[in-house]
C-alpha atoms as a PDB file:
ATOM      1  CA  UNK A   1       0.153  10.995  17.926  1.00  0.00           C
ATOM      2  CA  UNK A   2      -2.057  11.842  14.577  1.00  0.00           C
ATOM      3  CA  UNK A   3      -3.020   9.074  13.073  1.00  0.00           C
ATOM      4  CA  UNK A   4      -5.618   7.702   9.890  1.00  0.00           C
ATOM      5  CA  UNK A   5      -7.456   4.584   9.151  1.00  0.00           C
ATOM      6  CA  UNK A   6      -9.421   3.374   5.958  1.00  0.00           C
ATOM      7  CA  UNK A   7     -10.563   0.834   4.438  1.00  0.00           C
ATOM      8  CA  UNK A   8     -10.420   0.138   1.004  1.00  0.00           C
ATOM      9  CA  UNK A   9     -13.067  -2.520  -0.551  1.00  0.00           C
ATOM     10  CA  UNK A  10     -12.304  -4.956  -3.235  1.00  0.00           C
ATOM     11  CA  UNK A  11      -9.738  -7.260  -4.116  1.00  0.00           C
ATOM     12  CA  UNK A  12      -6.076  -5.740  -3.562  1.00  0.00           C
ATOM     13  CA  UNK A  13      -4.103  -5.495  -6.340  1.00  0.00           C
ATOM     14  CA  UNK A  14      -0.008  -5.577  -6.620  1.00  0.00           C
ATOM     15  CA  UNK A  15       1.737  -2.706  -9.108  1.00  0.00           C
ATOM     16  CA  UNK A  16       2.151  -2.897 -12.720  1.00  0.00           C
ATOM     17  CA  UNK A  17       4.939  -4.283 -14.093  1.00  0.00           C
ATOM     18  CA  UNK A  18       6.461  -2.806 -17.164  1.00  0.00           C
ATOM     19  CA  UNK A  19       8.458  -5.031 -19.668  1.00  0.00           C
ATOM     20  CA  UNK A  20      10.979  -3.448 -21.692  1.00  0.00           C
ATOM     21  CA  UNK A  21      12.474  -4.159 -24.744  1.00  0.00           C
ATOM     22  CA  UNK A  22      14.117  -3.873 -28.287  1.00  0.00           C
ATOM     23  CA  UNK A  23      11.831  -3.677 -31.221  1.00  0.00           C
ATOM     24  CA  UNK A  24      13.296  -5.375 -34.799  1.00  0.00           C
ATOM     25  CA  UNK A  25      13.970  -2.136 -36.169  1.00  0.00           C
ATOM     26  CA  UNK A  26      16.254  -1.177 -32.797  1.00  0.00           C
ATOM     27  CA  UNK A  27      14.393   1.137 -30.749  1.00  0.00           C
ATOM     28  CA  UNK A  28      13.919   0.316 -27.253  1.00  0.00           C
ATOM     29  CA  UNK A  29      10.341   0.168 -25.394  1.00  0.00           C
ATOM     30  CA  UNK A  30       9.003  -0.091 -22.460  1.00  0.00           C
ATOM     31  CA  UNK A  31       5.216  -1.352 -21.808  1.00  0.00           C
ATOM     32  CA  UNK A  32       2.867  -2.394 -19.064  1.00  0.00           C
ATOM     33  CA  UNK A  33       2.690  -6.143 -19.017  1.00  0.00           C
ATOM     34  CA  UNK A  34      -0.367  -8.039 -18.722  1.00  0.00           C
ATOM     35  CA  UNK A  35      -3.522  -8.346 -20.429  1.00  0.00           C
ATOM     36  CA  UNK A  36      -5.387  -5.251 -20.497  1.00  0.00           C
ATOM     37  CA  UNK A  37      -8.282  -6.497 -18.488  1.00  0.00           C
ATOM     38  CA  UNK A  38      -5.449  -6.939 -15.860  1.00  0.00           C
ATOM     39  CA  UNK A  39      -4.472  -3.089 -16.297  1.00  0.00           C
ATOM     40  CA  UNK A  40      -7.684  -1.716 -15.716  1.00  0.00           C
ATOM     41  CA  UNK A  41      -8.530  -3.825 -12.727  1.00  0.00           C
ATOM     42  CA  UNK A  42      -4.957  -2.988 -11.112  1.00  0.00           C
ATOM     43  CA  UNK A  43      -5.359   0.950 -12.204  1.00  0.00           C
ATOM     44  CA  UNK A  44      -9.418   0.474 -10.954  1.00  0.00           C
ATOM     45  CA  UNK A  45      -7.979  -0.556  -7.298  1.00  0.00           C
ATOM     46  CA  UNK A  46      -5.474   2.379  -7.021  1.00  0.00           C
ATOM     47  CA  UNK A  47      -8.689   4.910  -7.866  1.00  0.00           C
ATOM     48  CA  UNK A  48     -10.162   2.965  -5.084  1.00  0.00           C
ATOM     49  CA  UNK A  49      -7.125   3.619  -2.554  1.00  0.00           C
ATOM     50  CA  UNK A  50      -6.877   7.331  -3.453  1.00  0.00           C
ATOM     51  CA  UNK A  51     -11.041   7.682  -3.021  1.00  0.00           C
ATOM     52  CA  UNK A  52     -11.047   6.173   0.307  1.00  0.00           C
ATOM     53  CA  UNK A  53      -7.828   7.835   1.533  1.00  0.00           C
ATOM     54  CA  UNK A  54      -9.388  11.581   0.152  1.00  0.00           C
ATOM     55  CA  UNK A  55     -12.722  10.191   2.294  1.00  0.00           C
ATOM     56  CA  UNK A  56     -11.041   9.321   5.921  1.00  0.00           C
ATOM     57  CA  UNK A  57      -8.838  12.603   5.080  1.00  0.00           C
ATOM     58  CA  UNK A  58     -11.594  14.758   5.283  1.00  0.00           C
ATOM     59  CA  UNK A  59     -13.439  12.754   7.821  1.00  0.00           C
ATOM     60  CA  UNK A  60     -10.486  12.491  10.114  1.00  0.00           C
ATOM     61  CA  UNK A  61      -8.894  16.047   9.897  1.00  0.00           C
ATOM     62  CA  UNK A  62      -6.100  14.954   8.268  1.00  0.00           C
ATOM     63  CA  UNK A  63      -3.548  16.892   6.532  1.00  0.00           C
ATOM     64  CA  UNK A  64      -0.772  15.844   3.874  1.00  0.00           C
ATOM     65  CA  UNK A  65       2.652  15.032   5.996  1.00  0.00           C
ATOM     66  CA  UNK A  66       4.921  17.021   4.091  1.00  0.00           C
ATOM     67  CA  UNK A  67       7.824  16.316   6.845  1.00  0.00           C
ATOM     68  CA  UNK A  68       8.705  14.069   9.306  1.00  0.00           C
ATOM     69  CA  UNK A  69       8.599   9.956   9.691  1.00  0.00           C
ATOM     70  CA  UNK A  70       4.936   7.835   9.073  1.00  0.00           C
ATOM     71  CA  UNK A  71       4.341   4.353  10.843  1.00  0.00           C
ATOM     72  CA  UNK A  72       2.439   1.873   8.239  1.00  0.00           C
ATOM     73  CA  UNK A  73       0.037  -1.007   9.308  1.00  0.00           C
ATOM     74  CA  UNK A  74      -1.693  -3.022   6.263  1.00  0.00           C
ATOM     75  CA  UNK A  75      -4.029  -5.776   5.954  1.00  0.00           C
ATOM     76  CA  UNK A  76      -4.886  -7.444   2.913  1.00  0.00           C
ATOM     77  CA  UNK A  77      -7.515  -9.192   1.954  1.00  0.00           C
ATOM     78  CA  UNK A  78      -6.954 -11.103  -1.106  1.00  0.00           C
ATOM     79  CA  UNK A  79     -10.197 -12.910  -3.391  1.00  0.00           C
ATOM     80  CA  UNK A  80     -10.241 -16.731  -2.226  1.00  0.00           C
ATOM     81  CA  UNK A  81      -9.362 -18.447  -5.742  1.00  0.00           C
ATOM     82  CA  UNK A  82     -11.774 -20.679  -7.219  1.00  0.00           C
ATOM     83  CA  UNK A  83      -8.975 -23.686  -6.430  1.00  0.00           C
ATOM     84  CA  UNK A  84      -8.937 -23.120  -2.665  1.00  0.00           C
ATOM     85  CA  UNK A  85     -12.159 -25.280  -2.178  1.00  0.00           C
ATOM     86  CA  UNK A  86     -11.978 -28.796  -1.181  1.00  0.00           C
ATOM     87  CA  UNK A  87     -15.377 -29.975  -2.134  1.00  0.00           C
ATOM     88  CA  UNK A  88     -17.261 -26.981  -0.515  1.00  0.00           C
ATOM     89  CA  UNK A  89     -16.253 -23.917   1.500  1.00  0.00           C
ATOM     90  CA  UNK A  90     -12.852 -24.848   3.533  1.00  0.00           C
ATOM     91  CA  UNK A  91     -12.432 -22.638   6.325  1.00  0.00           C
ATOM     92  CA  UNK A  92      -8.756 -21.787   5.497  1.00  0.00           C
ATOM     93  CA  UNK A  93      -7.051 -21.699   2.077  1.00  0.00           C
ATOM     94  CA  UNK A  94      -4.693 -24.499   1.191  1.00  0.00           C
ATOM     95  CA  UNK A  95      -2.131 -22.091  -0.985  1.00  0.00           C
ATOM     96  CA  UNK A  96      -0.784 -18.592  -0.405  1.00  0.00           C
ATOM     97  CA  UNK A  97       0.652 -18.685  -3.822  1.00  0.00           C
ATOM     98  CA  UNK A  98       0.000 -15.599  -5.823  1.00  0.00           C
ATOM     99  CA  UNK A  99      -0.053 -13.219  -2.914  1.00  0.00           C
ATOM    100  CA  UNK A 100       3.486 -11.154  -3.185  1.00  0.00           C
ATOM    101  CA  UNK A 101       3.160  -8.787  -0.368  1.00  0.00           C
ATOM    102  CA  UNK A 102       5.706  -6.477  -1.741  1.00  0.00           C
ATOM    103  CA  UNK A 103       3.762  -5.790  -4.938  1.00  0.00           C
ATOM    104  CA  UNK A 104       0.635  -5.112  -3.069  1.00  0.00           C
ATOM    105  CA  UNK A 105       2.169  -3.380  -0.708  1.00  0.00           C
ATOM    106  CA  UNK A 106       4.153  -0.530  -3.599  1.00  0.00           C
ATOM    107  CA  UNK A 107       1.137  -0.509  -5.388  1.00  0.00           C
ATOM    108  CA  UNK A 108      -0.571   0.655  -2.022  1.00  0.00           C
ATOM    109  CA  UNK A 109       2.503   3.739  -1.296  1.00  0.00           C
ATOM    110  CA  UNK A 110       2.219   4.489  -4.989  1.00  0.00           C
ATOM    111  CA  UNK A 111      -1.369   5.308  -4.964  1.00  0.00           C
ATOM    112  CA  UNK A 112      -0.773   7.358  -1.914  1.00  0.00           C
ATOM    113  CA  UNK A 113       2.094   8.827  -2.499  1.00  0.00           C
ATOM    114  CA  UNK A 114       1.476  12.878  -3.472  1.00  0.00           C
ATOM    115  CA  UNK A 115      -2.016  12.536  -1.180  1.00  0.00           C
ATOM    116  CA  UNK A 116      -1.734  11.036   1.954  1.00  0.00           C
ATOM    117  CA  UNK A 117       2.456  11.810   2.613  1.00  0.00           C
ATOM    118  CA  UNK A 118       5.094  13.842   0.363  1.00  0.00           C
ATOM    119  CA  UNK A 119       6.871  10.682  -0.800  1.00  0.00           C
ATOM    120  CA  UNK A 120       6.526   6.594   0.538  1.00  0.00           C
ATOM    121  CA  UNK A 121      10.520   7.592   1.560  1.00  0.00           C
ATOM    122  CA  UNK A 122       8.527   9.232   4.533  1.00  0.00           C
ATOM    123  CA  UNK A 123       7.519   5.764   5.985  1.00  0.00           C
ATOM    124  CA  UNK A 124      10.344   4.167   8.297  1.00  0.00           C
ATOM    125  CA  UNK A 125       8.076   2.093   9.975  1.00  0.00           C
ATOM    126  CA  UNK A 126       6.020  -1.303   8.773  1.00  0.00           C
ATOM    127  CA  UNK A 127       3.793  -2.880  11.144  1.00  0.00           C
ATOM    128  CA  UNK A 128       1.670  -6.240  10.911  1.00  0.00           C
ATOM    129  CA  UNK A 129       1.751  -6.103   7.006  1.00  0.00           C
ATOM    130  CA  UNK A 130      -0.306  -9.117   7.024  1.00  0.00           C
ATOM    131  CA  UNK A 131      -1.913 -10.770   3.424  1.00  0.00           C
ATOM    132  CA  UNK A 132      -4.260 -13.427   3.712  1.00  0.00           C
ATOM    133  CA  UNK A 133      -6.725 -14.827   1.373  1.00  0.00           C
ATOM    134  CA  UNK A 134     -10.928 -13.885   1.947  1.00  0.00           C
ATOM    135  CA  UNK A 135     -12.588 -16.511   4.892  1.00  0.00           C
ATOM    136  CA  UNK A 136     -15.923 -18.208   3.867  1.00  0.00           C
ATOM    137  CA  UNK A 137     -18.243 -14.846   3.827  1.00  0.00           C
ATOM    138  CA  UNK A 138     -15.472 -12.581   4.067  1.00  0.00           C
ATOM    139  CA  UNK A 139     -15.295  -9.876   1.553  1.00  0.00           C
ATOM    140  CA  UNK A 140     -11.999  -8.502  -0.304  1.00  0.00           C
ATOM    141  CA  UNK A 141     -10.460  -5.752   1.273  1.00  0.00           C
ATOM    142  CA  UNK A 142      -7.059  -3.536   2.788  1.00  0.00           C
ATOM    143  CA  UNK A 143      -7.077  -2.083   6.249  1.00  0.00           C
ATOM    144  CA  UNK A 144      -4.844   0.573   5.903  1.00  0.00           C
ATOM    145  CA  UNK A 145      -3.197   2.244   9.364  1.00  0.00           C
ATOM    146  CA  UNK A 146      -0.773   5.663   9.375  1.00  0.00           C
ATOM    147  CA  UNK A 147       0.611   7.155  11.910  1.00  0.00           C
ATOM    148  CA  UNK A 148       2.833  10.378  12.082  1.00  0.00           C
ATOM    149  CA  UNK A 149       5.385   9.603  14.379  1.00  0.00           C
ATOM    150  CA  UNK A 150       6.730  13.929  13.873  1.00  0.00           C
ATOM    151  CA  UNK A 151       9.920  15.468  12.475  1.00  0.00           C
ATOM    152  CA  UNK A 152      12.081  13.142  15.321  1.00  0.00           C
ATOM    153  CA  UNK A 153      14.529  13.768  13.281  1.00  0.00           C
ATOM    154  CA  UNK A 154      15.453  17.339  13.572  1.00  0.00           C
ATOM    155  CA  UNK A 155      14.236  17.538  16.892  1.00  0.00           C
ATOM    156  CA  UNK A 156      17.367  15.393  17.707  1.00  0.00           C
ATOM    157  CA  UNK A 157      19.351  16.939  15.716  1.00  0.00           C
ATOM    158  CA  UNK A 158      18.532  20.098  17.242  1.00  0.00           C
ATOM    159  CA  UNK A 159      18.674  18.323  20.787  1.00  0.00           C
ATOM    160  CA  UNK A 160      22.367  17.109  20.097  1.00  0.00           C
ATOM    161  CA  UNK A 161      23.170  20.690  18.828  1.00  0.00           C
ATOM    162  CA  UNK A 162      22.278  22.018  22.045  1.00  0.00           C
ATOM    163  CA  UNK A 163      24.268  19.549  24.132  1.00  0.00           C
ATOM    164  CA  UNK A 164      27.439  20.504  22.033  1.00  0.00           C
ATOM    165  CA  UNK A 165      26.491  24.723  23.036  1.00  0.00           C
ATOM    166  CA  UNK A 166      26.717  23.784  26.729  1.00  0.00           C
ATOM    167  CA  UNK A 167      29.735  21.340  26.986  1.00  0.00           C
END
């Protein structure tokens, strides 16, 4: 099996939400929702994902997967909020609010589209998608492991076709 692993430093960010509406003049619009600084933060994290992936692809000899299924394992470690401390550092945060794993995963998959794989629809197995706040002394980051499962679907069709020819 062909596999690639890499670590993305920094606080993982979710996907950019788009707000749609209709102006007073009757024209429809779609614009990113959120403050300018939040949007820049998300765009910056997406760039860090792509840089870490390119570096890992070069070091580990990974080529973009054009066909076949993939397996994905991700661990998101988010920056702990100041409200998660009781009279000083505590080993575990008391709240998991703000950790929408679907948005984090979508942002990661979108950043890797056209780089590590052709399309995120190739990911057929999700293993251990974990998200949590950083523990005391731990830096926020994301760890990604992608495994190529091969073109098993095509192989299965060929095997089935050979069985029907022999019977």
